[in-house]
């Protein structure tokens, strides 16, 4: 789930060099957390892997951060894995439908 707030738009080119660096590092950190969270969720969903710790604790301790970034990354990763599973089911259903349709075709 993404949260949007209404505020004045700030352009990257108008930022101070320190602010640019901070934002860039935060985005890189979030993307790393998202990648790790997706791997954890994917392993659970497709490989049957179990972990002794919760997703939040693993990511939080690995990156040594507060709750906001890890939780956002975990929710996004869970949504991506769920979307992937739905897409695979749709593809399987489509293949079944095409296979059934080809049996009824006359040439």
N, C-alpha and C. Protein backbone atom coordinates (compact mmCIF):
# COMPACT_ATOMS: atom_id res chain seq x y z
N UNK A 1 0.84 -1.17 0.00
CA UNK A 1 0.00 0.00 0.00
C UNK A 1 0.89 1.23 0.00
N UNK A 2 0.61 2.13 -0.89
CA UNK A 2 1.38 3.37 -0.95
C UNK A 2 0.52 4.49 -0.39
N UNK A 3 1.17 5.41 0.29
CA UNK A 3 0.48 6.53 0.89
C UNK A 3 0.94 7.79 0.18
N UNK A 4 0.00 8.57 -0.28
CA UNK A 4 0.32 9.81 -0.95
C UNK A 4 -0.09 10.97 -0.05
N UNK A 5 0.71 11.99 -0.03
CA UNK A 5 0.36 13.16 0.75
C UNK A 5 0.30 14.35 -0.19
N UNK A 6 -0.54 15.26 0.13
CA UNK A 6 -0.67 16.46 -0.69
C UNK A 6 0.33 17.49 -0.18
N UNK A 7 1.25 17.86 -1.04
CA UNK A 7 2.22 18.87 -0.65
C UNK A 7 2.71 19.57 -1.91
N UNK A 8 3.50 20.55 -1.69
CA UNK A 8 4.07 21.28 -2.81
C UNK A 8 5.09 20.38 -3.51
N UNK A 9 5.08 20.39 -4.81
CA UNK A 9 6.00 19.55 -5.59
C UNK A 9 7.41 20.11 -5.49
N UNK A 10 8.36 19.24 -5.25
CA UNK A 10 9.76 19.63 -5.17
C UNK A 10 10.50 18.92 -6.29
N UNK A 11 11.25 19.66 -7.05
CA UNK A 11 11.99 19.08 -8.16
C UNK A 11 13.41 18.76 -7.72
N UNK A 12 13.90 17.65 -8.24
CA UNK A 12 15.22 17.16 -7.87
C UNK A 12 16.30 18.20 -8.17
N UNK A 13 16.16 18.90 -9.29
CA UNK A 13 17.18 19.88 -9.69
C UNK A 13 17.24 21.08 -8.75
N UNK A 14 16.15 21.33 -7.99
CA UNK A 14 16.10 22.48 -7.08
C UNK A 14 16.61 22.16 -5.68
N UNK A 15 16.95 20.91 -5.42
CA UNK A 15 17.40 20.52 -4.08
C UNK A 15 18.85 20.90 -3.83
N UNK A 16 19.15 21.02 -2.56
CA UNK A 16 20.53 21.21 -2.15
C UNK A 16 21.28 19.90 -2.38
N UNK A 17 22.59 19.93 -2.58
CA UNK A 17 23.35 18.70 -2.82
C UNK A 17 23.21 17.67 -1.69
N UNK A 18 23.14 18.12 -0.46
CA UNK A 18 22.99 17.19 0.66
C UNK A 18 21.63 16.49 0.62
N UNK A 19 20.59 17.24 0.29
CA UNK A 19 19.25 16.67 0.21
C UNK A 19 19.18 15.66 -0.93
N UNK A 20 19.82 15.97 -2.05
CA UNK A 20 19.86 15.03 -3.18
C UNK A 20 20.45 13.70 -2.75
N UNK A 21 21.56 13.78 -2.05
CA UNK A 21 22.27 12.58 -1.62
C UNK A 21 21.43 11.77 -0.64
N UNK A 22 20.76 12.45 0.28
CA UNK A 22 19.92 11.76 1.27
C UNK A 22 18.77 11.04 0.58
N UNK A 23 18.10 11.72 -0.34
CA UNK A 23 16.97 11.10 -1.05
C UNK A 23 17.45 9.92 -1.88
N UNK A 24 18.56 10.09 -2.55
CA UNK A 24 19.11 9.02 -3.38
C UNK A 24 19.45 7.79 -2.54
N UNK A 25 20.07 8.01 -1.39
CA UNK A 25 20.43 6.88 -0.51
C UNK A 25 19.18 6.20 0.05
N UNK A 26 18.16 6.98 0.39
CA UNK A 26 16.91 6.40 0.89
C UNK A 26 16.24 5.53 -0.18
N UNK A 27 16.24 6.02 -1.41
CA UNK A 27 15.65 5.24 -2.50
C UNK A 27 16.43 3.95 -2.76
N UNK A 28 17.75 4.04 -2.72
CA UNK A 28 18.57 2.84 -2.89
C UNK A 28 18.33 1.84 -1.76
N UNK A 29 18.24 2.34 -0.54
CA UNK A 29 17.98 1.48 0.61
C UNK A 29 16.62 0.81 0.48
N UNK A 30 15.60 1.57 0.10
CA UNK A 30 14.26 1.01 -0.06
C UNK A 30 14.25 -0.07 -1.14
N UNK A 31 14.92 0.19 -2.25
CA UNK A 31 14.96 -0.81 -3.33
C UNK A 31 15.68 -2.08 -2.88
N UNK A 32 16.72 -1.95 -2.10
CA UNK A 32 17.41 -3.13 -1.56
C UNK A 32 16.48 -3.91 -0.63
N UNK A 33 15.76 -3.19 0.21
CA UNK A 33 14.81 -3.84 1.13
C UNK A 33 13.69 -4.52 0.34
N UNK A 34 13.21 -3.88 -0.70
CA UNK A 34 12.16 -4.46 -1.52
C UNK A 34 12.65 -5.74 -2.19
N UNK A 35 13.86 -5.73 -2.68
CA UNK A 35 14.43 -6.92 -3.32
C UNK A 35 14.53 -8.07 -2.32
N UNK A 36 15.03 -7.78 -1.13
CA UNK A 36 15.17 -8.82 -0.10
C UNK A 36 13.79 -9.31 0.35
N UNK A 37 12.85 -8.40 0.53
CA UNK A 37 11.50 -8.78 0.95
C UNK A 37 10.83 -9.64 -0.12
N UNK A 38 11.03 -9.30 -1.39
CA UNK A 38 10.45 -10.10 -2.47
C UNK A 38 11.04 -11.50 -2.46
N UNK A 39 12.34 -11.60 -2.25
CA UNK A 39 12.99 -12.91 -2.22
C UNK A 39 12.42 -13.76 -1.08
N UNK A 40 12.24 -13.16 0.09
CA UNK A 40 11.68 -13.88 1.24
C UNK A 40 10.25 -14.34 0.92
N UNK A 41 9.43 -13.43 0.41
CA UNK A 41 8.02 -13.77 0.10
C UNK A 41 7.95 -14.81 -1.03
N UNK A 42 8.81 -14.69 -2.03
CA UNK A 42 8.83 -15.63 -3.14
C UNK A 42 9.24 -17.02 -2.65
N UNK A 43 10.28 -17.07 -1.81
CA UNK A 43 10.73 -18.36 -1.27
C UNK A 43 9.63 -19.02 -0.46
N UNK A 44 8.90 -18.24 0.32
CA UNK A 44 7.80 -18.80 1.11
C UNK A 44 6.69 -19.32 0.21
N UNK A 45 6.36 -18.56 -0.82
CA UNK A 45 5.22 -18.91 -1.67
C UNK A 45 5.52 -20.05 -2.63
N UNK A 46 6.72 -20.09 -3.18
CA UNK A 46 7.01 -21.03 -4.25
C UNK A 46 7.95 -22.18 -3.85
N UNK A 47 8.77 -21.96 -2.85
CA UNK A 47 9.75 -22.99 -2.48
C UNK A 47 9.44 -23.64 -1.14
N UNK A 48 8.44 -23.13 -0.44
CA UNK A 48 8.06 -23.71 0.85
C UNK A 48 9.07 -23.46 1.96
N UNK A 49 9.87 -22.43 1.82
CA UNK A 49 10.89 -22.11 2.82
C UNK A 49 10.21 -21.49 4.04
N UNK A 50 10.67 -21.87 5.22
CA UNK A 50 10.17 -21.25 6.45
C UNK A 50 11.33 -20.59 7.16
N UNK A 51 11.04 -19.49 7.79
CA UNK A 51 12.06 -18.74 8.53
C UNK A 51 11.65 -18.68 9.99
N UNK A 52 12.64 -18.61 10.86
CA UNK A 52 12.35 -18.57 12.30
C UNK A 52 11.89 -17.19 12.75
N UNK A 53 12.26 -16.15 11.99
CA UNK A 53 11.88 -14.78 12.34
C UNK A 53 10.82 -14.27 11.38
N UNK A 54 10.16 -13.19 11.79
CA UNK A 54 9.19 -12.56 10.90
C UNK A 54 9.93 -11.78 9.81
N UNK A 55 9.23 -11.49 8.73
CA UNK A 55 9.84 -10.72 7.64
C UNK A 55 10.36 -9.38 8.15
N UNK A 56 9.53 -8.72 8.93
CA UNK A 56 9.89 -7.40 9.43
C UNK A 56 11.17 -7.45 10.26
N UNK A 57 11.27 -8.41 11.15
CA UNK A 57 12.47 -8.50 12.00
C UNK A 57 13.72 -8.81 11.18
N UNK A 58 13.58 -9.69 10.19
CA UNK A 58 14.74 -10.04 9.37
C UNK A 58 15.26 -8.82 8.61
N UNK A 59 14.37 -8.11 7.96
CA UNK A 59 14.79 -6.97 7.15
C UNK A 59 15.26 -5.82 8.04
N UNK A 60 14.53 -5.61 9.12
CA UNK A 60 14.90 -4.53 10.05
C UNK A 60 16.28 -4.76 10.64
N UNK A 61 16.57 -5.97 11.05
CA UNK A 61 17.88 -6.26 11.64
C UNK A 61 18.98 -6.26 10.58
N UNK A 62 18.67 -6.73 9.37
CA UNK A 62 19.68 -6.77 8.31
C UNK A 62 20.11 -5.37 7.89
N UNK A 63 19.14 -4.45 7.78
CA UNK A 63 19.45 -3.09 7.35
C UNK A 63 19.56 -2.10 8.49
N UNK A 64 19.25 -2.52 9.71
CA UNK A 64 19.36 -1.67 10.90
C UNK A 64 18.60 -0.35 10.72
N UNK A 65 17.28 -0.47 10.49
CA UNK A 65 16.46 0.72 10.27
C UNK A 65 15.22 0.67 11.17
N UNK A 66 14.45 1.74 11.07
CA UNK A 66 13.17 1.79 11.79
C UNK A 66 12.13 0.97 11.03
N UNK A 67 10.87 1.06 11.43
CA UNK A 67 9.81 0.22 10.88
C UNK A 67 9.29 0.66 9.51
N UNK A 68 9.34 1.93 9.19
CA UNK A 68 8.62 2.44 8.02
C UNK A 68 9.08 1.81 6.71
N UNK A 69 10.35 1.88 6.40
CA UNK A 69 10.85 1.32 5.13
C UNK A 69 10.65 -0.20 5.04
N UNK A 70 11.04 -0.96 6.07
CA UNK A 70 10.84 -2.42 5.96
C UNK A 70 9.38 -2.81 5.77
N UNK A 71 8.49 -2.19 6.50
CA UNK A 71 7.07 -2.54 6.38
C UNK A 71 6.53 -2.20 4.99
N UNK A 72 6.91 -1.04 4.48
CA UNK A 72 6.48 -0.65 3.13
C UNK A 72 7.01 -1.64 2.10
N UNK A 73 8.26 -2.02 2.22
CA UNK A 73 8.86 -2.96 1.28
C UNK A 73 8.20 -4.33 1.37
N UNK A 74 7.90 -4.77 2.58
CA UNK A 74 7.26 -6.08 2.76
C UNK A 74 5.86 -6.09 2.15
N UNK A 75 5.07 -5.04 2.41
CA UNK A 75 3.72 -4.98 1.83
C UNK A 75 3.78 -4.95 0.31
N UNK A 76 4.71 -4.19 -0.23
CA UNK A 76 4.83 -4.14 -1.69
C UNK A 76 5.28 -5.49 -2.25
N UNK A 77 6.21 -6.14 -1.58
CA UNK A 77 6.69 -7.45 -2.04
C UNK A 77 5.58 -8.49 -1.98
N UNK A 78 4.79 -8.48 -0.91
CA UNK A 78 3.67 -9.42 -0.81
C UNK A 78 2.66 -9.20 -1.93
N UNK A 79 2.41 -7.95 -2.26
CA UNK A 79 1.48 -7.64 -3.36
C UNK A 79 2.05 -8.12 -4.69
N UNK A 80 3.35 -7.97 -4.89
CA UNK A 80 3.98 -8.43 -6.13
C UNK A 80 3.91 -9.95 -6.27
N UNK A 81 4.15 -10.66 -5.18
CA UNK A 81 4.08 -12.13 -5.23
C UNK A 81 2.64 -12.58 -5.46
N UNK A 82 1.70 -11.93 -4.80
CA UNK A 82 0.29 -12.27 -5.01
C UNK A 82 -0.12 -12.02 -6.46
N UNK A 83 0.33 -10.92 -7.00
CA UNK A 83 0.04 -10.60 -8.40
C UNK A 83 0.67 -11.63 -9.34
N UNK A 84 1.87 -12.06 -9.02
CA UNK A 84 2.55 -13.08 -9.82
C UNK A 84 1.77 -14.39 -9.81
N UNK A 85 1.29 -14.78 -8.64
CA UNK A 85 0.49 -16.02 -8.54
C UNK A 85 -0.81 -15.91 -9.33
N UNK A 86 -1.47 -14.77 -9.25
CA UNK A 86 -2.72 -14.58 -10.01
C UNK A 86 -2.44 -14.62 -11.50
N UNK A 87 -1.36 -14.02 -11.91
CA UNK A 87 -1.00 -14.01 -13.33
C UNK A 87 -0.70 -15.43 -13.82
N UNK A 88 -0.02 -16.22 -13.02
CA UNK A 88 0.26 -17.60 -13.40
C UNK A 88 -1.03 -18.40 -13.53
N UNK A 89 -1.97 -18.18 -12.61
CA UNK A 89 -3.26 -18.89 -12.69
C UNK A 89 -4.00 -18.48 -13.95
N UNK A 90 -4.00 -17.21 -14.28
CA UNK A 90 -4.66 -16.75 -15.50
C UNK A 90 -4.01 -17.37 -16.73
N UNK A 91 -2.69 -17.46 -16.73
CA UNK A 91 -1.99 -18.07 -17.86
C UNK A 91 -2.35 -19.55 -18.00
N UNK A 92 -2.42 -20.27 -16.88
CA UNK A 92 -2.80 -21.69 -16.92
C UNK A 92 -4.22 -21.86 -17.45
N UNK A 93 -5.12 -21.00 -16.97
CA UNK A 93 -6.51 -21.07 -17.43
C UNK A 93 -6.61 -20.76 -18.93
N UNK A 94 -5.82 -19.81 -19.38
CA UNK A 94 -5.83 -19.45 -20.80
C UNK A 94 -5.31 -20.60 -21.65
N UNK A 95 -4.27 -21.27 -21.18
CA UNK A 95 -3.72 -22.42 -21.92
C UNK A 95 -4.74 -23.55 -21.98
N UNK A 96 -5.43 -23.79 -20.85
CA UNK A 96 -6.48 -24.82 -20.83
C UNK A 96 -7.58 -24.48 -21.84
N UNK A 97 -8.00 -23.22 -21.83
CA UNK A 97 -9.06 -22.77 -22.73
C UNK A 97 -8.63 -22.93 -24.19
N UNK A 98 -7.42 -22.55 -24.50
CA UNK A 98 -6.93 -22.69 -25.87
C UNK A 98 -6.85 -24.15 -26.28
N UNK A 99 -6.43 -25.01 -25.36
CA UNK A 99 -6.35 -26.44 -25.65
C UNK A 99 -7.72 -27.02 -25.91
N UNK A 100 -8.71 -26.61 -25.14
CA UNK A 100 -10.08 -27.08 -25.32
C UNK A 100 -10.66 -26.56 -26.63
N UNK A 101 -10.38 -25.31 -26.94
CA UNK A 101 -10.90 -24.70 -28.18
C UNK A 101 -10.32 -25.38 -29.41
N UNK A 102 -9.04 -25.78 -29.36
CA UNK A 102 -8.41 -26.39 -30.52
C UNK A 102 -9.02 -27.76 -30.83
N UNK A 103 -9.56 -28.44 -29.82
CA UNK A 103 -10.20 -29.75 -30.07
C UNK A 103 -11.50 -29.59 -30.85
N UNK A 104 -12.15 -28.44 -30.70
CA UNK A 104 -13.42 -28.23 -31.38
C UNK A 104 -13.27 -27.59 -32.75
N UNK A 105 -12.07 -27.19 -33.11
CA UNK A 105 -11.85 -26.56 -34.40
C UNK A 105 -11.98 -27.59 -35.51
N UNK A 106 -12.56 -27.14 -36.59
CA UNK A 106 -12.63 -28.02 -37.77
C UNK A 106 -11.73 -27.45 -38.84
N UNK A 107 -11.06 -28.32 -39.51
CA UNK A 107 -10.15 -27.85 -40.56
C UNK A 107 -10.61 -28.27 -41.91
